[in-house]
C-alpha atoms as a PDB file:
ATOM      1  CA  MET A   1     -22.704 -12.370 -43.151  1.00  0.00           C
ATOM      2  CA  SER A   2     -19.917 -14.889 -43.673  1.00  0.00           C
ATOM      3  CA  GLY A   3     -21.837 -17.350 -41.484  1.00  0.00           C
ATOM      4  CA  ASN A   4     -24.835 -17.069 -43.810  1.00  0.00           C
ATOM      5  CA  ARG A   5     -22.631 -17.619 -46.851  1.00  0.00           C
ATOM      6  CA  ASP A   6     -21.238 -20.832 -45.343  1.00  0.00           C
ATOM      7  CA  TYR A   7     -24.771 -22.010 -44.572  1.00  0.00           C
ATOM      8  CA  ARG A   8     -25.969 -21.431 -48.129  1.00  0.00           C
ATOM      9  CA  SER A   9     -22.932 -23.228 -49.520  1.00  0.00           C
ATOM     10  CA  VAL A  10     -23.600 -26.302 -47.391  1.00  0.00           C
ATOM     11  CA  PHE A  11     -27.309 -26.102 -48.225  1.00  0.00           C
ATOM     12  CA  ARG A  12     -26.652 -26.150 -51.997  1.00  0.00           C
ATOM     13  CA  CYS A  13     -24.232 -29.011 -51.574  1.00  0.00           C
ATOM     14  CA  ARG A  14     -26.867 -30.942 -49.634  1.00  0.00           C
ATOM     15  CA  PHE A  15     -29.243 -30.760 -52.606  1.00  0.00           C
ATOM     16  CA  GLU A  16     -26.493 -32.049 -54.897  1.00  0.00           C
ATOM     17  CA  MET A  17     -26.029 -35.002 -52.530  1.00  0.00           C
ATOM     18  CA  LEU A  18     -29.771 -35.692 -52.521  1.00  0.00           C
ATOM     19  CA  LYS A  19     -29.838 -35.728 -56.340  1.00  0.00           C
ATOM     20  CA  ARG A  20     -27.146 -38.424 -56.327  1.00  0.00           C
ATOM     21  CA  THR A  21     -28.980 -40.631 -53.804  1.00  0.00           C
ATOM     22  CA  GLU A  22     -31.012 -42.390 -56.478  1.00  0.00           C
ATOM     23  CA  LYS A  23     -27.796 -43.582 -58.154  1.00  0.00           C
ATOM     24  CA  ASP A  24     -25.673 -44.147 -55.041  1.00  0.00           C
ATOM     25  CA  TRP A  25     -28.002 -45.921 -52.600  1.00  0.00           C
ATOM     26  CA  LYS A  26     -27.055 -49.407 -53.819  1.00  0.00           C
ATOM     27  CA  MET A  27     -23.364 -48.773 -53.133  1.00  0.00           C
ATOM     28  CA  ASP A  28     -23.764 -46.852 -49.862  1.00  0.00           C
ATOM     29  CA  GLY A  29     -24.126 -48.656 -46.603  1.00  0.00           C
ATOM     30  CA  LEU A  30     -22.425 -51.061 -44.269  1.00  0.00           C
ATOM     31  CA  ASN A  31     -20.051 -52.420 -46.900  1.00  0.00           C
ATOM     32  CA  SER A  32     -18.508 -48.973 -47.423  1.00  0.00           C
ATOM     33  CA  LEU A  33     -18.894 -47.595 -43.897  1.00  0.00           C
ATOM     34  CA  SER A  34     -15.788 -46.288 -42.140  1.00  0.00           C
ATOM     35  CA  TYR A  35     -15.832 -46.477 -38.372  1.00  0.00           C
ATOM     36  CA  ARG A  36     -13.640 -46.839 -35.295  1.00  0.00           C
ATOM     37  CA  LEU A  37     -14.566 -49.360 -32.620  1.00  0.00           C
ATOM     38  CA  LEU A  38     -14.788 -47.687 -29.208  1.00  0.00           C
ATOM     39  CA  HIS A  39     -16.223 -50.325 -26.890  1.00  0.00           C
ATOM     40  CA  ILE A  40     -17.887 -53.746 -26.817  1.00  0.00           C
ATOM     41  CA  LYS A  41     -20.047 -54.777 -23.872  1.00  0.00           C
ATOM     42  CA  TYR A  42     -21.357 -58.345 -23.742  1.00  0.00           C
ATOM     43  CA  ARG A  43     -24.764 -58.830 -22.134  1.00  0.00           C
ATOM     44  CA  LYS A  44     -26.827 -61.949 -21.615  1.00  0.00           C
ATOM     45  CA  LEU A  45     -29.316 -61.193 -24.405  1.00  0.00           C
ATOM     46  CA  TYR A  46     -27.356 -58.827 -26.632  1.00  0.00           C
ATOM     47  CA  THR A  47     -23.979 -57.295 -27.377  1.00  0.00           C
ATOM     48  CA  HIS A  48     -23.653 -53.511 -27.124  1.00  0.00           C
ATOM     49  CA  ILE A  49     -21.156 -52.175 -29.679  1.00  0.00           C
ATOM     50  CA  LEU A  50     -20.156 -48.509 -29.535  1.00  0.00           C
ATOM     51  CA  VAL A  51     -18.469 -47.012 -32.598  1.00  0.00           C
ATOM     52  CA  ASP A  52     -17.348 -43.630 -33.884  1.00  0.00           C
ATOM     53  CA  LEU A  53     -18.690 -43.229 -37.432  1.00  0.00           C
ATOM     54  CA  LEU A  54     -15.918 -40.790 -38.386  1.00  0.00           C
ATOM     55  CA  GLU A  55     -18.574 -38.492 -39.799  1.00  0.00           C
ATOM     56  CA  GLY A  56     -16.314 -35.451 -40.013  1.00  0.00           C
ATOM     57  CA  LYS A  57     -13.778 -37.206 -42.237  1.00  0.00           C
ATOM     58  CA  GLU A  58     -16.437 -38.871 -44.406  1.00  0.00           C
ATOM     59  CA  ARG A  59     -18.433 -35.668 -44.807  1.00  0.00           C
ATOM     60  CA  PHE A  60     -15.353 -33.662 -45.788  1.00  0.00           C
ATOM     61  CA  GLU A  61     -14.327 -36.227 -48.446  1.00  0.00           C
ATOM     62  CA  MET A  62     -17.883 -36.469 -49.779  1.00  0.00           C
ATOM     63  CA  GLU A  63     -18.262 -32.700 -50.034  1.00  0.00           C
ATOM     64  CA  GLN A  64     -14.959 -32.443 -51.878  1.00  0.00           C
ATOM     65  CA  ARG A  65     -16.164 -35.012 -54.437  1.00  0.00           C
ATOM     66  CA  ILE A  66     -19.727 -33.777 -54.863  1.00  0.00           C
ATOM     67  CA  CYS A  67     -19.494 -30.031 -54.250  1.00  0.00           C
ATOM     68  CA  LYS A  68     -16.554 -29.268 -56.504  1.00  0.00           C
ATOM     69  CA  ASN A  69     -18.276 -26.137 -57.820  1.00  0.00           C
ATOM     70  CA  GLU A  70     -18.631 -24.560 -54.387  1.00  0.00           C
ATOM     71  CA  THR A  71     -16.065 -21.890 -53.612  1.00  0.00           C
ATOM     72  CA  GLN A  72     -15.536 -23.043 -50.060  1.00  0.00           C
ATOM     73  CA  VAL A  73     -15.912 -26.527 -48.615  1.00  0.00           C
ATOM     74  CA  LYS A  74     -16.153 -26.473 -44.844  1.00  0.00           C
ATOM     75  CA  LYS A  75     -13.345 -28.312 -43.040  1.00  0.00           C
ATOM     76  CA  TYR A  76     -14.530 -30.716 -40.376  1.00  0.00           C
ATOM     77  CA  PRO A  77     -12.470 -31.850 -37.395  1.00  0.00           C
ATOM     78  CA  THR A  78     -10.903 -35.297 -37.666  1.00  0.00           C
END
């Protein structure tokens, strides 16, 4: 049952995040994106850039800010 409890907690938090989207969409995006450059490959017609979006770290910080009322915020690997 503990797995179900974790799922419901994340699910409720997701709705809280969606409610905030209307206010936050102007500030979210490339100007606030955290990433780590992994590889750049130059081609004749384009440049292929591979990055790690550091989703685990960003998600953990966002859930701590938004889902303060939840009893347990899932820890993501860094």
